[in-house]
Amino acid sequence: MGGPSTTLCRVRPQSKPAGIADLAPVLAPVSEREERDTGLPAGAELPPAIRRVVERALRRPGVPCG
């Protein structure tokens, strides 16, 4: 399974006070590059607990992106 460090690497470049506009790249299964970088198996899904935290970062409609 993917873990917090993989998620942080995906979220950090997108982090803004208003949230993340598109969760698809953050919640995607572990890529081959991430497998090489982290040792997590390619195709692994993020654990449900991590997914819930990431989903709360979704930008709310009407909130400007910082």
C-alpha atoms as a PDB file:
ATOM      1  CA  MET A   1       0.000   0.000   0.000  1.00  0.00           C
ATOM      2  CA  GLY A   2       1.064   3.564  -0.588  1.00  0.00           C
ATOM      3  CA  GLY A   3       1.720   5.569   2.497  1.00  0.00           C
ATOM      4  CA  PRO A   4       2.060   9.036   3.946  1.00  0.00           C
ATOM      5  CA  SER A   5       5.455   9.802   2.392  1.00  0.00           C
ATOM      6  CA  THR A   6       4.180   9.063  -1.129  1.00  0.00           C
ATOM      7  CA  THR A   7       1.113  11.212  -0.493  1.00  0.00           C
ATOM      8  CA  LEU A   8       3.207  14.101   0.836  1.00  0.00           C
ATOM      9  CA  CYS A   9       5.412  14.058  -2.256  1.00  0.00           C
ATOM     10  CA  ARG A  10       2.298  14.262  -4.426  1.00  0.00           C
ATOM     11  CA  VAL A  11       0.545  16.968  -2.384  1.00  0.00           C
ATOM     12  CA  ARG A  12       3.451  19.285  -1.563  1.00  0.00           C
ATOM     13  CA  PRO A  13       3.711  20.874  -5.046  1.00  0.00           C
ATOM     14  CA  GLN A  14      -0.060  21.466  -5.093  1.00  0.00           C
ATOM     15  CA  SER A  15      -0.524  22.708  -1.528  1.00  0.00           C
ATOM     16  CA  LYS A  16      -2.353  25.996  -1.352  1.00  0.00           C
ATOM     17  CA  PRO A  17      -4.392  27.518   1.462  1.00  0.00           C
ATOM     18  CA  ALA A  18      -7.609  27.001  -0.513  1.00  0.00           C
ATOM     19  CA  GLY A  19      -7.036  23.290  -1.148  1.00  0.00           C
ATOM     20  CA  ILE A  20      -6.347  20.994  -4.081  1.00  0.00           C
ATOM     21  CA  ALA A  21      -8.370  21.371  -7.284  1.00  0.00           C
ATOM     22  CA  ASP A  22      -7.865  17.825  -8.621  1.00  0.00           C
ATOM     23  CA  LEU A  23      -7.432  14.835  -6.320  1.00  0.00           C
ATOM     24  CA  ALA A  24      -6.949  12.261  -9.090  1.00  0.00           C
ATOM     25  CA  PRO A  25      -3.128  12.590  -9.282  1.00  0.00           C
ATOM     26  CA  VAL A  26      -2.834  12.530  -5.492  1.00  0.00           C
ATOM     27  CA  LEU A  27      -5.047   9.470  -5.017  1.00  0.00           C
ATOM     28  CA  ALA A  28      -3.674   7.499  -7.981  1.00  0.00           C
ATOM     29  CA  PRO A  29      -2.044   4.127  -7.385  1.00  0.00           C
ATOM     30  CA  VAL A  30       1.725   4.102  -6.821  1.00  0.00           C
ATOM     31  CA  SER A  31       3.548   4.727 -10.111  1.00  0.00           C
ATOM     32  CA  GLU A  32       6.624   2.907 -11.399  1.00  0.00           C
ATOM     33  CA  ARG A  33       8.736   5.993 -10.624  1.00  0.00           C
ATOM     34  CA  GLU A  34       7.392   6.118  -7.066  1.00  0.00           C
ATOM     35  CA  GLU A  35       8.186   2.416  -6.755  1.00  0.00           C
ATOM     36  CA  ARG A  36      11.811   3.152  -7.672  1.00  0.00           C
ATOM     37  CA  ASP A  37      11.936   6.172  -5.329  1.00  0.00           C
ATOM     38  CA  THR A  38      10.157   4.657  -2.312  1.00  0.00           C
ATOM     39  CA  GLY A  39      10.205   0.888  -2.662  1.00  0.00           C
ATOM     40  CA  LEU A  40       6.403   0.721  -2.517  1.00  0.00           C
ATOM     41  CA  PRO A  41       4.973  -1.695  -5.089  1.00  0.00           C
ATOM     42  CA  ALA A  42       3.726  -0.115  -8.314  1.00  0.00           C
ATOM     43  CA  GLY A  43      -0.057  -0.229  -8.495  1.00  0.00           C
ATOM     44  CA  ALA A  44      -0.533  -0.143  -4.715  1.00  0.00           C
ATOM     45  CA  GLU A  45      -3.520   1.910  -3.568  1.00  0.00           C
ATOM     46  CA  LEU A  46      -3.378   4.477  -0.786  1.00  0.00           C
ATOM     47  CA  PRO A  47      -4.844   3.210   2.492  1.00  0.00           C
ATOM     48  CA  PRO A  48      -8.425   4.380   3.188  1.00  0.00           C
ATOM     49  CA  ALA A  49      -7.323   6.478   6.187  1.00  0.00           C
ATOM     50  CA  ILE A  50      -4.819   8.401   4.029  1.00  0.00           C
ATOM     51  CA  ARG A  51      -7.396   8.811   1.242  1.00  0.00           C
ATOM     52  CA  ARG A  52      -9.856  10.399   3.692  1.00  0.00           C
ATOM     53  CA  VAL A  53      -7.263  12.944   4.841  1.00  0.00           C
ATOM     54  CA  VAL A  54      -6.385  13.826   1.244  1.00  0.00           C
ATOM     55  CA  GLU A  55     -10.062  14.111   0.255  1.00  0.00           C
ATOM     56  CA  ARG A  56     -10.534  16.762   2.960  1.00  0.00           C
ATOM     57  CA  ALA A  57      -7.934  18.880   1.139  1.00  0.00           C
ATOM     58  CA  LEU A  58     -10.214  19.216  -1.914  1.00  0.00           C
ATOM     59  CA  ARG A  59     -10.714  22.865  -2.762  1.00  0.00           C
ATOM     60  CA  ARG A  60     -14.203  24.059  -1.916  1.00  0.00           C
ATOM     61  CA  PRO A  61     -16.175  25.673  -4.754  1.00  0.00           C
ATOM     62  CA  GLY A  62     -15.998  29.458  -4.575  1.00  0.00           C
ATOM     63  CA  VAL A  63     -12.811  29.500  -2.499  1.00  0.00           C
ATOM     64  CA  PRO A  64     -10.038  31.238  -4.465  1.00  0.00           C
ATOM     65  CA  CYS A  65      -6.744  29.443  -4.877  1.00  0.00           C
ATOM     66  CA  GLY A  66      -4.138  31.270  -2.775  1.00  0.00           C
END
